[in-house]
Full PDB file with SEQRES, HELIX, SHEET, SSBOND, CRYST1, ORIGX, SCALE, CONECT and MASTER records, all heavy atoms in Angstrom:
SEQRES   1 A   44  ASP ALA ALA ARG LEU THR SER LEU ILE GLU ALA GLU GLY          
SEQRES   2 A   44  GLY LYS VAL SER PRO VAL ALA PRO ALA ALA GLU PRO GLY          
SEQRES   3 A   44  ALA ALA ALA ASP THR ALA PRO ALA LEU THR VAL THR GLY          
SEQRES   4 A   44  LEU ALA ALA ALA ARG                                          
HELIX    1 AA1 ALA A    2  ALA A   11  1                                  10    
HELIX    2 AA2 PRO A   21  ALA A   23  5                                   3    
SHEET    1 AA1 2 LYS A  15  PRO A  18  0                                        
SHEET    2 AA1 2 LEU A  35  THR A  38 -1                                        
CRYST1    1.000    1.000    1.000  90.00  90.00  90.00 P 1           1          
ORIGX1      1.000000  0.000000  0.000000        0.00000                         
ORIGX2      0.000000  1.000000  0.000000        0.00000                         
ORIGX3      0.000000  0.000000  1.000000        0.00000                         
SCALE1      1.000000  0.000000  0.000000        0.00000                         
SCALE2      0.000000  1.000000  0.000000        0.00000                         
SCALE3      0.000000  0.000000  1.000000        0.00000                         
ATOM      1  N   ASP A   1       0.869  -1.187  -0.060  1.00  0.00           N  
ATOM      2  CA  ASP A   1       0.012  -0.020   0.042  1.00  0.00           C  
ATOM      3  C   ASP A   1       0.907   1.227  -0.002  1.00  0.00           C  
ATOM      4  O   ASP A   1       0.852   2.115   0.827  1.00  0.00           O  
ATOM      5  CB  ASP A   1      -0.904   0.017   1.239  1.00  0.00           C  
ATOM      6  CG  ASP A   1      -2.086   0.893   1.119  1.00  0.00           C  
ATOM      7  OD1 ASP A   1      -2.161   1.654   0.068  1.00  0.00           O  
ATOM      8  OD2 ASP A   1      -2.983   0.921   1.972  1.00  0.00           O  
ATOM      9  N   ALA A   2       1.718   1.317  -1.030  1.00  0.00           N  
ATOM     10  CA  ALA A   2       2.789   2.432  -1.018  1.00  0.00           C  
ATOM     11  C   ALA A   2       2.156   3.777  -1.112  1.00  0.00           C  
ATOM     12  O   ALA A   2       2.657   4.719  -0.472  1.00  0.00           O  
ATOM     13  CB  ALA A   2       3.691   2.080  -2.232  1.00  0.00           C  
ATOM     14  N   ALA A   3       1.105   3.963  -1.905  1.00  0.00           N  
ATOM     15  CA  ALA A   3       0.487   5.257  -1.992  1.00  0.00           C  
ATOM     16  C   ALA A   3      -0.022   5.859  -0.654  1.00  0.00           C  
ATOM     17  O   ALA A   3       0.293   7.015  -0.326  1.00  0.00           O  
ATOM     18  CB  ALA A   3      -0.671   5.269  -3.020  1.00  0.00           C  
ATOM     19  N   ARG A   4      -0.697   4.997   0.085  1.00  0.00           N  
ATOM     20  CA  ARG A   4      -1.248   5.491   1.350  1.00  0.00           C  
ATOM     21  C   ARG A   4      -0.063   5.761   2.373  1.00  0.00           C  
ATOM     22  O   ARG A   4      -0.121   6.778   3.070  1.00  0.00           O  
ATOM     23  CB  ARG A   4      -2.309   4.475   1.874  1.00  0.00           C  
ATOM     24  CG  ARG A   4      -3.124   5.025   3.044  1.00  0.00           C  
ATOM     25  CD  ARG A   4      -4.458   4.339   3.082  1.00  0.00           C  
ATOM     26  NE  ARG A   4      -4.419   2.926   3.342  1.00  0.00           N  
ATOM     27  CZ  ARG A   4      -4.658   2.365   4.465  1.00  0.00           C  
ATOM     28  NH1 ARG A   4      -5.010   3.077   5.527  1.00  0.00           N  
ATOM     29  NH2 ARG A   4      -4.532   1.030   4.671  1.00  0.00           N  
ATOM     30  N   LEU A   5       0.976   4.895   2.393  1.00  0.00           N  
ATOM     31  CA  LEU A   5       1.968   5.069   3.357  1.00  0.00           C  
ATOM     32  C   LEU A   5       2.762   6.327   2.913  1.00  0.00           C  
ATOM     33  O   LEU A   5       3.200   7.032   3.787  1.00  0.00           O  
ATOM     34  CB  LEU A   5       2.949   3.871   3.350  1.00  0.00           C  
ATOM     35  CG  LEU A   5       4.084   3.923   4.319  1.00  0.00           C  
ATOM     36  CD1 LEU A   5       3.562   4.016   5.747  1.00  0.00           C  
ATOM     37  CD2 LEU A   5       5.030   2.806   4.192  1.00  0.00           C  
ATOM     38  N   THR A   6       2.890   6.579   1.678  1.00  0.00           N  
ATOM     39  CA  THR A   6       3.646   7.745   1.251  1.00  0.00           C  
ATOM     40  C   THR A   6       2.942   8.979   1.724  1.00  0.00           C  
ATOM     41  O   THR A   6       3.621   9.971   2.201  1.00  0.00           O  
ATOM     42  CB  THR A   6       3.754   7.764  -0.247  1.00  0.00           C  
ATOM     43  OG1 THR A   6       4.580   6.724  -0.772  1.00  0.00           O  
ATOM     44  CG2 THR A   6       4.325   9.130  -0.771  1.00  0.00           C  
ATOM     45  N   SER A   7       1.598   9.025   1.680  1.00  0.00           N  
ATOM     46  CA  SER A   7       0.875  10.175   2.104  1.00  0.00           C  
ATOM     47  C   SER A   7       1.027  10.427   3.617  1.00  0.00           C  
ATOM     48  O   SER A   7       1.196  11.534   4.071  1.00  0.00           O  
ATOM     49  CB  SER A   7      -0.696  10.009   1.826  1.00  0.00           C  
ATOM     50  OG  SER A   7      -0.863   9.904   0.405  1.00  0.00           O  
ATOM     51  N   LEU A   8       1.025   9.273   4.385  1.00  0.00           N  
ATOM     52  CA  LEU A   8       1.192   9.382   5.864  1.00  0.00           C  
ATOM     53  C   LEU A   8       2.566   9.929   6.194  1.00  0.00           C  
ATOM     54  O   LEU A   8       2.727  10.798   7.112  1.00  0.00           O  
ATOM     55  CB  LEU A   8       0.994   8.065   6.416  1.00  0.00           C  
ATOM     56  CG  LEU A   8      -0.408   7.430   6.401  1.00  0.00           C  
ATOM     57  CD1 LEU A   8      -0.381   5.959   6.851  1.00  0.00           C  
ATOM     58  CD2 LEU A   8      -1.399   8.235   7.284  1.00  0.00           C  
ATOM     59  N   ILE A   9       3.608   9.496   5.481  1.00  0.00           N  
ATOM     60  CA  ILE A   9       4.958   9.890   5.812  1.00  0.00           C  
ATOM     61  C   ILE A   9       5.108  11.338   5.385  1.00  0.00           C  
ATOM     62  O   ILE A   9       5.760  12.159   6.184  1.00  0.00           O  
ATOM     63  CB  ILE A   9       5.987   9.017   4.966  1.00  0.00           C  
ATOM     64  CG1 ILE A   9       5.964   7.567   5.598  1.00  0.00           C  
ATOM     65  CG2 ILE A   9       7.347   9.588   5.077  1.00  0.00           C  
ATOM     66  CD1 ILE A   9       6.745   6.597   4.744  1.00  0.00           C  
ATOM     67  N   GLU A  10       4.672  11.751   4.264  1.00  0.00           N  
ATOM     68  CA  GLU A  10       4.846  13.116   3.866  1.00  0.00           C  
ATOM     69  C   GLU A  10       4.050  14.095   4.720  1.00  0.00           C  
ATOM     70  O   GLU A  10       4.550  15.263   4.964  1.00  0.00           O  
ATOM     71  CB  GLU A  10       4.428  13.258   2.354  1.00  0.00           C  
ATOM     72  CG  GLU A  10       5.327  12.598   1.415  1.00  0.00           C  
ATOM     73  CD  GLU A  10       4.952  12.641  -0.039  1.00  0.00           C  
ATOM     74  OE1 GLU A  10       3.760  12.921  -0.283  1.00  0.00           O  
ATOM     75  OE2 GLU A  10       5.766  12.456  -0.958  1.00  0.00           O  
ATOM     76  N   ALA A  11       2.986  13.675   5.263  1.00  0.00           N  
ATOM     77  CA  ALA A  11       2.222  14.491   6.218  1.00  0.00           C  
ATOM     78  C   ALA A  11       2.962  14.778   7.449  1.00  0.00           C  
ATOM     79  O   ALA A  11       2.827  15.746   8.188  1.00  0.00           O  
ATOM     80  CB  ALA A  11       0.878  13.827   6.526  1.00  0.00           C  
ATOM     81  N   GLU A  12       3.898  13.882   7.774  1.00  0.00           N  
ATOM     82  CA  GLU A  12       4.760  14.024   8.941  1.00  0.00           C  
ATOM     83  C   GLU A  12       6.031  14.677   8.670  1.00  0.00           C  
ATOM     84  O   GLU A  12       6.958  14.827   9.552  1.00  0.00           O  
ATOM     85  CB  GLU A  12       5.123  12.558   9.539  1.00  0.00           C  
ATOM     86  CG  GLU A  12       3.972  11.947  10.222  1.00  0.00           C  
ATOM     87  CD  GLU A  12       3.710  12.432  11.670  1.00  0.00           C  
ATOM     88  OE1 GLU A  12       4.732  12.530  12.368  1.00  0.00           O  
ATOM     89  OE2 GLU A  12       2.576  12.687  12.030  1.00  0.00           O  
ATOM     90  N   GLY A  13       6.283  15.176   7.440  1.00  0.00           N  
ATOM     91  CA  GLY A  13       7.439  15.853   7.126  1.00  0.00           C  
ATOM     92  C   GLY A  13       8.564  15.005   6.490  1.00  0.00           C  
ATOM     93  O   GLY A  13       9.642  15.508   6.222  1.00  0.00           O  
ATOM     94  N   GLY A  14       8.342  13.708   6.251  1.00  0.00           N  
ATOM     95  CA  GLY A  14       9.334  12.838   5.603  1.00  0.00           C  
ATOM     96  C   GLY A  14       9.335  12.934   4.169  1.00  0.00           C  
ATOM     97  O   GLY A  14       8.376  13.465   3.519  1.00  0.00           O  
ATOM     98  N   LYS A  15      10.397  12.426   3.578  1.00  0.00           N  
ATOM     99  CA  LYS A  15      10.462  12.445   2.075  1.00  0.00           C  
ATOM    100  C   LYS A  15      10.520  10.997   1.636  1.00  0.00           C  
ATOM    101  O   LYS A  15      11.227  10.198   2.275  1.00  0.00           O  
ATOM    102  CB  LYS A  15      11.719  13.183   1.664  1.00  0.00           C  
ATOM    103  CG  LYS A  15      11.660  14.713   1.914  1.00  0.00           C  
ATOM    104  CD  LYS A  15      12.857  15.456   1.423  1.00  0.00           C  
ATOM    105  CE  LYS A  15      12.722  16.948   1.643  1.00  0.00           C  
ATOM    106  NZ  LYS A  15      13.943  17.673   1.124  1.00  0.00           N  
ATOM    107  N   VAL A  16       9.797  10.745   0.522  1.00  0.00           N  
ATOM    108  CA  VAL A  16       9.720   9.386   0.060  1.00  0.00           C  
ATOM    109  C   VAL A  16      10.182   9.275  -1.392  1.00  0.00           C  
ATOM    110  O   VAL A  16       9.815  10.118  -2.265  1.00  0.00           O  
ATOM    111  CB  VAL A  16       8.252   8.834   0.158  1.00  0.00           C  
ATOM    112  CG1 VAL A  16       8.103   7.414  -0.387  1.00  0.00           C  
ATOM    113  CG2 VAL A  16       7.703   8.928   1.560  1.00  0.00           C  
ATOM    114  N   SER A  17      10.989   8.254  -1.711  1.00  0.00           N  
ATOM    115  CA  SER A  17      11.466   8.064  -3.019  1.00  0.00           C  
ATOM    116  C   SER A  17      11.250   6.674  -3.380  1.00  0.00           C  
ATOM    117  O   SER A  17      11.678   5.764  -2.646  1.00  0.00           O  
ATOM    118  CB  SER A  17      13.018   8.398  -3.238  1.00  0.00           C  
ATOM    119  OG  SER A  17      13.192   9.758  -2.836  1.00  0.00           O  
ATOM    120  N   PRO A  18      10.653   6.296  -4.531  1.00  0.00           N  
ATOM    121  CA  PRO A  18      10.452   4.884  -4.941  1.00  0.00           C  
ATOM    122  C   PRO A  18      11.776   4.272  -5.271  1.00  0.00           C  
ATOM    123  O   PRO A  18      12.677   4.949  -5.913  1.00  0.00           O  
ATOM    124  CB  PRO A  18       9.530   4.976  -6.127  1.00  0.00           C  
ATOM    125  CG  PRO A  18       9.705   6.400  -6.667  1.00  0.00           C  
ATOM    126  CD  PRO A  18      10.075   7.265  -5.468  1.00  0.00           C  
ATOM    127  N   VAL A  19      11.943   2.985  -5.039  1.00  0.00           N  
ATOM    128  CA  VAL A  19      13.149   2.265  -5.415  1.00  0.00           C  
ATOM    129  C   VAL A  19      12.830   1.475  -6.696  1.00  0.00           C  
ATOM    130  O   VAL A  19      11.836   0.676  -6.640  1.00  0.00           O  
ATOM    131  CB  VAL A  19      13.589   1.415  -4.231  1.00  0.00           C  
ATOM    132  CG1 VAL A  19      14.792   0.504  -4.733  1.00  0.00           C  
ATOM    133  CG2 VAL A  19      13.906   2.169  -3.049  1.00  0.00           C  
ATOM    134  N   ALA A  20      13.612   1.580  -7.661  1.00  0.00           N  
ATOM    135  CA  ALA A  20      13.402   0.775  -8.887  1.00  0.00           C  
ATOM    136  C   ALA A  20      13.542  -0.707  -8.591  1.00  0.00           C  
ATOM    137  O   ALA A  20      14.458  -1.098  -8.014  1.00  0.00           O  
ATOM    138  CB  ALA A  20      14.440   1.227  -9.995  1.00  0.00           C  
ATOM    139  N   PRO A  21      12.560  -1.505  -9.026  1.00  0.00           N  
ATOM    140  CA  PRO A  21      12.655  -2.957  -8.735  1.00  0.00           C  
ATOM    141  C   PRO A  21      13.930  -3.579  -9.174  1.00  0.00           C  
ATOM    142  O   PRO A  21      14.436  -4.442  -8.412  1.00  0.00           O  
ATOM    143  CB  PRO A  21      11.447  -3.502  -9.564  1.00  0.00           C  
ATOM    144  CG  PRO A  21      10.514  -2.321  -9.720  1.00  0.00           C  
ATOM    145  CD  PRO A  21      11.414  -1.117  -9.849  1.00  0.00           C  
ATOM    146  N   ALA A  22      14.496  -3.236 -10.308  1.00  0.00           N  
ATOM    147  CA  ALA A  22      15.715  -3.827 -10.782  1.00  0.00           C  
ATOM    148  C   ALA A  22      16.889  -3.597  -9.824  1.00  0.00           C  
ATOM    149  O   ALA A  22      17.825  -4.317  -9.842  1.00  0.00           O  
ATOM    150  CB  ALA A  22      16.051  -3.324 -12.192  1.00  0.00           C  
ATOM    151  N   ALA A  23      16.807  -2.461  -9.114  1.00  0.00           N  
ATOM    152  CA  ALA A  23      17.962  -2.091  -8.189  1.00  0.00           C  
ATOM    153  C   ALA A  23      17.748  -2.608  -6.812  1.00  0.00           C  
ATOM    154  O   ALA A  23      18.602  -2.436  -5.965  1.00  0.00           O  
ATOM    155  CB  ALA A  23      18.044  -0.600  -8.138  1.00  0.00           C  
ATOM    156  N   GLU A  24      16.670  -3.302  -6.545  1.00  0.00           N  
ATOM    157  CA  GLU A  24      16.332  -3.743  -5.192  1.00  0.00           C  
ATOM    158  C   GLU A  24      16.542  -5.251  -4.975  1.00  0.00           C  
ATOM    159  O   GLU A  24      15.845  -6.014  -5.615  1.00  0.00           O  
ATOM    160  CB  GLU A  24      14.842  -3.395  -4.964  1.00  0.00           C  
ATOM    161  CG  GLU A  24      14.383  -3.726  -3.449  1.00  0.00           C  
ATOM    162  CD  GLU A  24      15.068  -2.776  -2.515  1.00  0.00           C  
ATOM    163  OE1 GLU A  24      15.656  -1.793  -2.812  1.00  0.00           O  
ATOM    164  OE2 GLU A  24      15.026  -3.095  -1.326  1.00  0.00           O  
ATOM    165  N   PRO A  25      17.516  -5.622  -4.196  1.00  0.00           N  
ATOM    166  CA  PRO A  25      17.701  -7.058  -3.888  1.00  0.00           C  
ATOM    167  C   PRO A  25      16.482  -7.705  -3.386  1.00  0.00           C  
ATOM    168  O   PRO A  25      15.773  -7.091  -2.485  1.00  0.00           O  
ATOM    169  CB  PRO A  25      18.844  -7.015  -2.866  1.00  0.00           C  
ATOM    170  CG  PRO A  25      19.527  -5.669  -3.003  1.00  0.00           C  
ATOM    171  CD  PRO A  25      18.450  -4.799  -3.437  1.00  0.00           C  
ATOM    172  N   GLY A  26      16.156  -8.893  -3.800  1.00  0.00           N  
ATOM    173  CA  GLY A  26      14.987  -9.576  -3.324  1.00  0.00           C  
ATOM    174  C   GLY A  26      13.648  -9.136  -3.928  1.00  0.00           C  
ATOM    175  O   GLY A  26      12.584  -9.687  -3.549  1.00  0.00           O  
ATOM    176  N   ALA A  27      13.788  -8.294  -5.015  1.00  0.00           N  
ATOM    177  CA  ALA A  27      12.520  -7.811  -5.592  1.00  0.00           C  
ATOM    178  C   ALA A  27      11.718  -8.949  -6.233  1.00  0.00           C  
ATOM    179  O   ALA A  27      10.528  -8.937  -6.275  1.00  0.00           O  
ATOM    180  CB  ALA A  27      12.828  -6.673  -6.636  1.00  0.00           C  
ATOM    181  N   ALA A  28      12.466  -9.891  -6.806  1.00  0.00           N  
ATOM    182  CA  ALA A  28      11.794 -11.011  -7.418  1.00  0.00           C  
ATOM    183  C   ALA A  28      11.002 -11.881  -6.495  1.00  0.00           C  
ATOM    184  O   ALA A  28       9.924 -12.373  -6.827  1.00  0.00           O  
ATOM    185  CB  ALA A  28      12.875 -11.856  -8.180  1.00  0.00           C  
ATOM    186  N   ALA A  29      11.396 -11.897  -5.197  1.00  0.00           N  
ATOM    187  CA  ALA A  29      10.676 -12.717  -4.215  1.00  0.00           C  
ATOM    188  C   ALA A  29       9.555 -11.942  -3.558  1.00  0.00           C  
ATOM    189  O   ALA A  29       8.658 -12.585  -3.010  1.00  0.00           O  
ATOM    190  CB  ALA A  29      11.687 -13.135  -3.150  1.00  0.00           C  
ATOM    191  N   ASP A  30       9.588 -10.662  -3.678  1.00  0.00           N  
ATOM    192  CA  ASP A  30       8.557  -9.818  -3.030  1.00  0.00           C  
ATOM    193  C   ASP A  30       8.152  -8.673  -4.043  1.00  0.00           C  
ATOM    194  O   ASP A  30       8.999  -7.799  -4.255  1.00  0.00           O  
ATOM    195  CB  ASP A  30       9.072  -9.264  -1.709  1.00  0.00           C  
ATOM    196  CG  ASP A  30       7.951  -8.528  -0.937  1.00  0.00           C  
ATOM    197  OD1 ASP A  30       6.948  -8.226  -1.531  1.00  0.00           O  
ATOM    198  OD2 ASP A  30       8.157  -8.326   0.281  1.00  0.00           O  
ATOM    199  N   THR A  31       6.974  -8.726  -4.537  1.00  0.00           N  
ATOM    200  CA  THR A  31       6.593  -7.738  -5.536  1.00  0.00           C  
ATOM    201  C   THR A  31       6.043  -6.443  -4.988  1.00  0.00           C  
ATOM    202  O   THR A  31       5.684  -5.576  -5.696  1.00  0.00           O  
ATOM    203  CB  THR A  31       5.548  -8.327  -6.484  1.00  0.00           C  
ATOM    204  OG1 THR A  31       4.396  -8.810  -5.680  1.00  0.00           O  
ATOM    205  CG2 THR A  31       6.145  -9.478  -7.304  1.00  0.00           C  
ATOM    206  N   ALA A  32       5.983  -6.345  -3.607  1.00  0.00           N  
ATOM    207  CA  ALA A  32       5.487  -5.153  -2.938  1.00  0.00           C  
ATOM    208  C   ALA A  32       6.445  -4.030  -3.321  1.00  0.00           C  
ATOM    209  O   ALA A  32       7.631  -4.191  -3.189  1.00  0.00           O  
ATOM    210  CB  ALA A  32       5.375  -5.322  -1.454  1.00  0.00           C  
ATOM    211  N   PRO A  33       5.908  -2.818  -3.610  1.00  0.00           N  
ATOM    212  CA  PRO A  33       6.781  -1.674  -3.922  1.00  0.00           C  
ATOM    213  C   PRO A  33       7.734  -1.340  -2.802  1.00  0.00           C  
ATOM    214  O   PRO A  33       7.359  -1.411  -1.623  1.00  0.00           O  
ATOM    215  CB  PRO A  33       5.863  -0.579  -4.249  1.00  0.00           C  
ATOM    216  CG  PRO A  33       4.548  -1.252  -4.633  1.00  0.00           C  
ATOM    217  CD  PRO A  33       4.471  -2.460  -3.810  1.00  0.00           C  
ATOM    218  N   ALA A  34       8.941  -0.945  -3.044  1.00  0.00           N  
ATOM    219  CA  ALA A  34       9.920  -0.567  -2.110  1.00  0.00           C  
ATOM    220  C   ALA A  34      10.100   0.959  -2.158  1.00  0.00           C  
ATOM    221  O   ALA A  34      10.058   1.588  -3.197  1.00  0.00           O  
ATOM    222  CB  ALA A  34      11.311  -1.231  -2.314  1.00  0.00           C  
ATOM    223  N   LEU A  35      10.270   1.555  -1.050  1.00  0.00           N  
ATOM    224  CA  LEU A  35      10.444   3.013  -0.837  1.00  0.00           C  
ATOM    225  C   LEU A  35      11.688   3.291  -0.044  1.00  0.00           C  
ATOM    226  O   LEU A  35      12.071   2.522   0.919  1.00  0.00           O  
ATOM    227  CB  LEU A  35       9.207   3.650  -0.212  1.00  0.00           C  
ATOM    228  CG  LEU A  35       7.821   3.230  -0.699  1.00  0.00           C  
ATOM    229  CD1 LEU A  35       6.762   3.785   0.194  1.00  0.00           C  
ATOM    230  CD2 LEU A  35       7.660   3.860  -2.150  1.00  0.00           C  
ATOM    231  N   THR A  36      12.281   4.452  -0.269  1.00  0.00           N  
ATOM    232  CA  THR A  36      13.402   4.949   0.544  1.00  0.00           C  
ATOM    233  C   THR A  36      12.817   6.236   1.276  1.00  0.00           C  
ATOM    234  O   THR A  36      12.355   7.127   0.560  1.00  0.00           O  
ATOM    235  CB  THR A  36      14.625   5.293  -0.248  1.00  0.00           C  
ATOM    236  OG1 THR A  36      15.141   4.107  -0.838  1.00  0.00           O  
ATOM    237  CG2 THR A  36      15.647   5.947   0.634  1.00  0.00           C  
ATOM    238  N   VAL A  37      12.984   6.280   2.540  1.00  0.00           N  
ATOM    239  CA  VAL A  37      12.363   7.396   3.343  1.00  0.00           C  
ATOM    240  C   VAL A  37      13.534   8.023   4.086  1.00  0.00           C  
ATOM    241  O   VAL A  37      14.371   7.435   4.742  1.00  0.00           O  
ATOM    242  CB  VAL A  37      11.353   6.826   4.375  1.00  0.00           C  
ATOM    243  CG1 VAL A  37      10.736   8.007   5.179  1.00  0.00           C  
ATOM    244  CG2 VAL A  37      10.205   6.114   3.693  1.00  0.00           C  
ATOM    245  N   THR A  38      13.463   9.415   3.918  1.00  0.00           N  
ATOM    246  CA  THR A  38      14.408  10.176   4.742  1.00  0.00           C  
ATOM    247  C   THR A  38      13.662  11.222   5.541  1.00  0.00           C  
ATOM    248  O   THR A  38      12.522  11.559   5.160  1.00  0.00           O  
ATOM    249  CB  THR A  38      15.452  10.971   3.762  1.00  0.00           C  
ATOM    250  OG1 THR A  38      14.710  11.715   2.875  1.00  0.00           O  
ATOM    251  CG2 THR A  38      16.334  10.022   3.051  1.00  0.00           C  
ATOM    252  N   GLY A  39      14.295  11.656   6.624  1.00  0.00           N  
ATOM    253  CA  GLY A  39      13.630  12.675   7.451  1.00  0.00           C  
ATOM    254  C   GLY A  39      12.675  12.165   8.540  1.00  0.00           C  
ATOM    255  O   GLY A  39      12.048  12.888   9.169  1.00  0.00           O  
ATOM    256  N   LEU A  40      12.611  10.794   8.588  1.00  0.00           N  
ATOM    257  CA  LEU A  40      11.681  10.225   9.561  1.00  0.00           C  
ATOM    258  C   LEU A  40      12.269   8.924  10.027  1.00  0.00           C  
ATOM    259  O   LEU A  40      12.756   8.082   9.195  1.00  0.00           O  
ATOM    260  CB  LEU A  40      10.342   9.951   8.947  1.00  0.00           C  
ATOM    261  CG  LEU A  40       9.080  10.028   9.783  1.00  0.00           C  
ATOM    262  CD1 LEU A  40       8.889  11.346  10.424  1.00  0.00           C  
ATOM    263  CD2 LEU A  40       7.815   9.636   8.988  1.00  0.00           C  
ATOM    264  N   ALA A  41      12.290   8.649  11.376  1.00  0.00           N  
ATOM    265  CA  ALA A  41      12.937   7.491  11.923  1.00  0.00           C  
ATOM    266  C   ALA A  41      12.031   6.259  11.629  1.00  0.00           C  
ATOM    267  O   ALA A  41      10.844   6.344  11.414  1.00  0.00           O  
ATOM    268  CB  ALA A  41      13.055   7.681  13.442  1.00  0.00           C  
ATOM    269  N   ALA A  42      12.678   5.082  11.632  1.00  0.00           N  
ATOM    270  CA  ALA A  42      12.006   3.795  11.302  1.00  0.00           C  
ATOM    271  C   ALA A  42      10.867   3.582  12.296  1.00  0.00           C  
ATOM    272  O   ALA A  42       9.756   3.099  11.994  1.00  0.00           O  
ATOM    273  CB  ALA A  42      13.005   2.672  11.356  1.00  0.00           C  
ATOM    274  N   ALA A  43      11.122   3.878  13.639  1.00  0.00           N  
ATOM    275  CA  ALA A  43      10.061   3.649  14.666  1.00  0.00           C  
ATOM    276  C   ALA A  43       8.855   4.420  14.329  1.00  0.00           C  
ATOM    277  O   ALA A  43       7.738   3.904  14.477  1.00  0.00           O  
ATOM    278  CB  ALA A  43      10.670   3.962  16.015  1.00  0.00           C  
ATOM    279  N   ARG A  44       9.013   5.707  13.881  1.00  0.00           N  
ATOM    280  CA  ARG A  44       7.867   6.522  13.619  1.00  0.00           C  
ATOM    281  C   ARG A  44       7.143   6.067  12.448  1.00  0.00           C  
ATOM    282  O   ARG A  44       5.905   6.082  12.304  1.00  0.00           O  
ATOM    283  CB  ARG A  44       8.307   8.022  13.386  1.00  0.00           C  
ATOM    284  CG  ARG A  44       7.153   8.967  13.176  1.00  0.00           C  
ATOM    285  CD  ARG A  44       6.119   8.872  14.279  1.00  0.00           C  
ATOM    286  NE  ARG A  44       4.952   9.781  14.094  1.00  0.00           N  
ATOM    287  CZ  ARG A  44       3.806   9.559  14.543  1.00  0.00           C  
ATOM    288  NH1 ARG A  44       3.567   8.492  15.425  1.00  0.00           N  
ATOM    289  NH2 ARG A  44       2.800  10.392  14.273  1.00  0.00           N  
TER     290      ARG A  44                                                      
MASTER        0    0    0    2    2    0    0    6  289    1    0    4          
END                                                                             
């Protein structure tokens, strides 16, 4: 649910960048979109 999570993160002041599937290890095993988040801690 990348779109909804992106909205939640950006509302908190974080920045979200999509990760290209080809550049992401394990992408073949998991088709869920991957994101890189800055400006927000993992716990939050």
